[in-house]
């Protein structure tokens, strides 16, 4: 399970960065296709999975060296979930919210990896 958590961590960081970049480019161009939506959904899914793997590790008494690791993971999850609640309904602005939130989740993923 620990190896899966480590491999998924790199996937989370890479996919979040890619999805954020694609969403920002779509925002700048004024239109987003299905690929951008699918990348954002994949990033969100990977983060939810990463948190689930972390909780499974905690239940098996595996602890991170630094307690900030848990905070960064939780904040990354909250980042990708927050646009669903707070983003404006106008599609272009909503896309920018998702782009920034996903970029912030990637940065928090890097910090979580550094504190593992």
C-alpha atoms as a PDB file:
ATOM      1  CA  UNK A   1       0.000   0.000   0.000  1.00  0.00           C
ATOM      2  CA  UNK A   2       2.887   2.357   0.776  1.00  0.00           C
ATOM      3  CA  UNK A   3       4.343   1.888  -2.705  1.00  0.00           C
ATOM      4  CA  UNK A   4       0.950   2.615  -4.245  1.00  0.00           C
ATOM      5  CA  UNK A   5       0.709   5.783  -2.138  1.00  0.00           C
ATOM      6  CA  UNK A   6       4.164   6.895  -3.361  1.00  0.00           C
ATOM      7  CA  UNK A   7       3.454   6.140  -7.032  1.00  0.00           C
ATOM      8  CA  UNK A   8       0.080   7.877  -6.876  1.00  0.00           C
ATOM      9  CA  UNK A   9       1.755  10.916  -5.275  1.00  0.00           C
ATOM     10  CA  UNK A  10       3.823  11.464  -8.422  1.00  0.00           C
ATOM     11  CA  UNK A  11       0.738  10.953 -10.573  1.00  0.00           C
ATOM     12  CA  UNK A  12      -1.193  13.496  -8.493  1.00  0.00           C
ATOM     13  CA  UNK A  13       1.510  16.135  -8.881  1.00  0.00           C
ATOM     14  CA  UNK A  14       1.992  15.544 -12.618  1.00  0.00           C
ATOM     15  CA  UNK A  15      -1.698  15.311 -13.523  1.00  0.00           C
ATOM     16  CA  UNK A  16      -2.637  18.324 -11.380  1.00  0.00           C
ATOM     17  CA  UNK A  17       0.066  20.434 -13.046  1.00  0.00           C
ATOM     18  CA  UNK A  18      -0.979  19.231 -16.505  1.00  0.00           C
ATOM     19  CA  UNK A  19      -4.698  19.742 -15.838  1.00  0.00           C
ATOM     20  CA  UNK A  20      -4.109  23.201 -14.423  1.00  0.00           C
ATOM     21  CA  UNK A  21      -2.020  24.219 -17.426  1.00  0.00           C
ATOM     22  CA  UNK A  22      -4.575  22.852 -19.868  1.00  0.00           C
ATOM     23  CA  UNK A  23      -7.425  24.589 -18.036  1.00  0.00           C
ATOM     24  CA  UNK A  24      -5.548  27.892 -17.990  1.00  0.00           C
ATOM     25  CA  UNK A  25      -4.826  27.636 -21.724  1.00  0.00           C
ATOM     26  CA  UNK A  26      -8.493  26.870 -22.373  1.00  0.00           C
ATOM     27  CA  UNK A  27      -9.421  29.885 -20.249  1.00  0.00           C
ATOM     28  CA  UNK A  28      -7.093  32.116 -22.271  1.00  0.00           C
ATOM     29  CA  UNK A  29      -8.505  30.803 -25.554  1.00  0.00           C
ATOM     30  CA  UNK A  30     -12.051  31.240 -24.351  1.00  0.00           C
ATOM     31  CA  UNK A  31     -13.212  27.674 -24.855  1.00  0.00           C
ATOM     32  CA  UNK A  32     -12.628  24.349 -23.161  1.00  0.00           C
ATOM     33  CA  UNK A  33     -13.118  20.945 -24.672  1.00  0.00           C
ATOM     34  CA  UNK A  34     -13.880  17.585 -23.182  1.00  0.00           C
ATOM     35  CA  UNK A  35     -10.175  16.871 -22.697  1.00  0.00           C
ATOM     36  CA  UNK A  36      -9.786  19.707 -20.192  1.00  0.00           C
ATOM     37  CA  UNK A  37     -12.824  18.583 -18.240  1.00  0.00           C
ATOM     38  CA  UNK A  38     -11.547  15.004 -18.212  1.00  0.00           C
ATOM     39  CA  UNK A  39      -8.077  16.096 -17.033  1.00  0.00           C
ATOM     40  CA  UNK A  40      -9.587  18.119 -14.199  1.00  0.00           C
ATOM     41  CA  UNK A  41     -11.781  15.179 -13.221  1.00  0.00           C
ATOM     42  CA  UNK A  42      -8.779  12.837 -13.313  1.00  0.00           C
ATOM     43  CA  UNK A  43      -6.794  15.181 -11.063  1.00  0.00           C
ATOM     44  CA  UNK A  44      -9.658  15.301  -8.584  1.00  0.00           C
ATOM     45  CA  UNK A  45     -10.054  11.530  -8.657  1.00  0.00           C
ATOM     46  CA  UNK A  46      -6.348  10.945  -8.071  1.00  0.00           C
ATOM     47  CA  UNK A  47      -6.346  13.287  -5.076  1.00  0.00           C
ATOM     48  CA  UNK A  48      -9.376  11.574  -3.552  1.00  0.00           C
ATOM     49  CA  UNK A  49      -7.643   8.234  -4.119  1.00  0.00           C
ATOM     50  CA  UNK A  50      -4.428   9.531  -2.577  1.00  0.00           C
ATOM     51  CA  UNK A  51      -6.258  10.627   0.556  1.00  0.00           C
ATOM     52  CA  UNK A  52      -8.000   7.239   0.708  1.00  0.00           C
ATOM     53  CA  UNK A  53      -4.645   5.434   0.417  1.00  0.00           C
ATOM     54  CA  UNK A  54      -3.283   7.651   3.164  1.00  0.00           C
ATOM     55  CA  UNK A  55      -6.201   6.817   5.422  1.00  0.00           C
ATOM     56  CA  UNK A  56      -5.667   3.110   4.753  1.00  0.00           C
ATOM     57  CA  UNK A  57      -2.015   3.519   5.719  1.00  0.00           C
ATOM     58  CA  UNK A  58      -3.028   5.314   8.908  1.00  0.00           C
ATOM     59  CA  UNK A  59      -5.404   2.498   9.762  1.00  0.00           C
ATOM     60  CA  UNK A  60      -2.469   0.094   9.352  1.00  0.00           C
ATOM     61  CA  UNK A  61      -0.387   2.211  11.784  1.00  0.00           C
ATOM     62  CA  UNK A  62       1.943   3.705   9.164  1.00  0.00           C
ATOM     63  CA  UNK A  63       2.662   7.301  10.160  1.00  0.00           C
ATOM     64  CA  UNK A  64       4.376  10.117   8.281  1.00  0.00           C
ATOM     65  CA  UNK A  65       7.526  11.554   9.847  1.00  0.00           C
ATOM     66  CA  UNK A  66       6.106  15.066   9.835  1.00  0.00           C
ATOM     67  CA  UNK A  67       2.534  15.779  10.920  1.00  0.00           C
ATOM     68  CA  UNK A  68       2.320  18.570   8.328  1.00  0.00           C
ATOM     69  CA  UNK A  69       2.058  15.808   5.725  1.00  0.00           C
ATOM     70  CA  UNK A  70      -1.546  15.220   6.776  1.00  0.00           C
ATOM     71  CA  UNK A  71      -2.364  18.929   6.630  1.00  0.00           C
ATOM     72  CA  UNK A  72      -0.970  19.306   3.107  1.00  0.00           C
ATOM     73  CA  UNK A  73      -2.925  16.277   1.908  1.00  0.00           C
ATOM     74  CA  UNK A  74      -6.127  17.569   3.456  1.00  0.00           C
ATOM     75  CA  UNK A  75      -5.633  21.054   2.025  1.00  0.00           C
ATOM     76  CA  UNK A  76      -4.973  19.621  -1.454  1.00  0.00           C
ATOM     77  CA  UNK A  77      -8.248  17.723  -1.258  1.00  0.00           C
ATOM     78  CA  UNK A  78     -10.092  20.837  -0.109  1.00  0.00           C
ATOM     79  CA  UNK A  79      -8.525  22.843  -2.946  1.00  0.00           C
ATOM     80  CA  UNK A  80      -9.939  20.632  -5.675  1.00  0.00           C
ATOM     81  CA  UNK A  81     -13.325  20.399  -3.982  1.00  0.00           C
ATOM     82  CA  UNK A  82     -13.746  24.126  -3.239  1.00  0.00           C
ATOM     83  CA  UNK A  83     -14.552  25.263  -6.819  1.00  0.00           C
ATOM     84  CA  UNK A  84     -17.582  22.981  -6.784  1.00  0.00           C
ATOM     85  CA  UNK A  85     -18.961  25.103  -3.948  1.00  0.00           C
ATOM     86  CA  UNK A  86     -17.564  28.591  -4.489  1.00  0.00           C
ATOM     87  CA  UNK A  87     -16.839  29.117  -8.183  1.00  0.00           C
ATOM     88  CA  UNK A  88     -19.136  31.473 -10.057  1.00  0.00           C
ATOM     89  CA  UNK A  89     -21.657  29.966 -12.442  1.00  0.00           C
ATOM     90  CA  UNK A  90     -20.238  31.770 -15.504  1.00  0.00           C
ATOM     91  CA  UNK A  91     -18.311  29.000 -17.369  1.00  0.00           C
ATOM     92  CA  UNK A  92     -15.149  30.959 -18.188  1.00  0.00           C
ATOM     93  CA  UNK A  93     -14.669  32.230 -14.624  1.00  0.00           C
ATOM     94  CA  UNK A  94     -15.467  28.784 -13.276  1.00  0.00           C
ATOM     95  CA  UNK A  95     -12.732  27.299 -15.454  1.00  0.00           C
ATOM     96  CA  UNK A  96     -10.219  29.776 -14.032  1.00  0.00           C
ATOM     97  CA  UNK A  97     -11.231  28.777 -10.493  1.00  0.00           C
ATOM     98  CA  UNK A  98     -10.672  25.112 -11.304  1.00  0.00           C
ATOM     99  CA  UNK A  99      -7.334  25.908 -12.938  1.00  0.00           C
ATOM    100  CA  UNK A 100      -5.999  27.846  -9.948  1.00  0.00           C
ATOM    101  CA  UNK A 101      -7.364  25.358  -7.418  1.00  0.00           C
ATOM    102  CA  UNK A 102      -5.751  22.450  -9.263  1.00  0.00           C
ATOM    103  CA  UNK A 103      -2.425  24.285  -9.488  1.00  0.00           C
ATOM    104  CA  UNK A 104      -2.564  24.957  -5.757  1.00  0.00           C
ATOM    105  CA  UNK A 105      -3.343  21.270  -5.169  1.00  0.00           C
ATOM    106  CA  UNK A 106      -0.230  20.353  -7.198  1.00  0.00           C
ATOM    107  CA  UNK A 107       1.888  22.692  -5.062  1.00  0.00           C
ATOM    108  CA  UNK A 108       0.421  21.219  -1.893  1.00  0.00           C
ATOM    109  CA  UNK A 109       1.128  17.751  -3.289  1.00  0.00           C
ATOM    110  CA  UNK A 110       4.780  18.700  -3.695  1.00  0.00           C
ATOM    111  CA  UNK A 111       4.867  19.953  -0.110  1.00  0.00           C
ATOM    112  CA  UNK A 112       3.187  16.767   1.131  1.00  0.00           C
ATOM    113  CA  UNK A 113       5.767  14.693  -0.748  1.00  0.00           C
ATOM    114  CA  UNK A 114       8.566  16.743   0.844  1.00  0.00           C
ATOM    115  CA  UNK A 115       7.236  16.051   4.335  1.00  0.00           C
ATOM    116  CA  UNK A 116       6.608  12.314   3.819  1.00  0.00           C
END
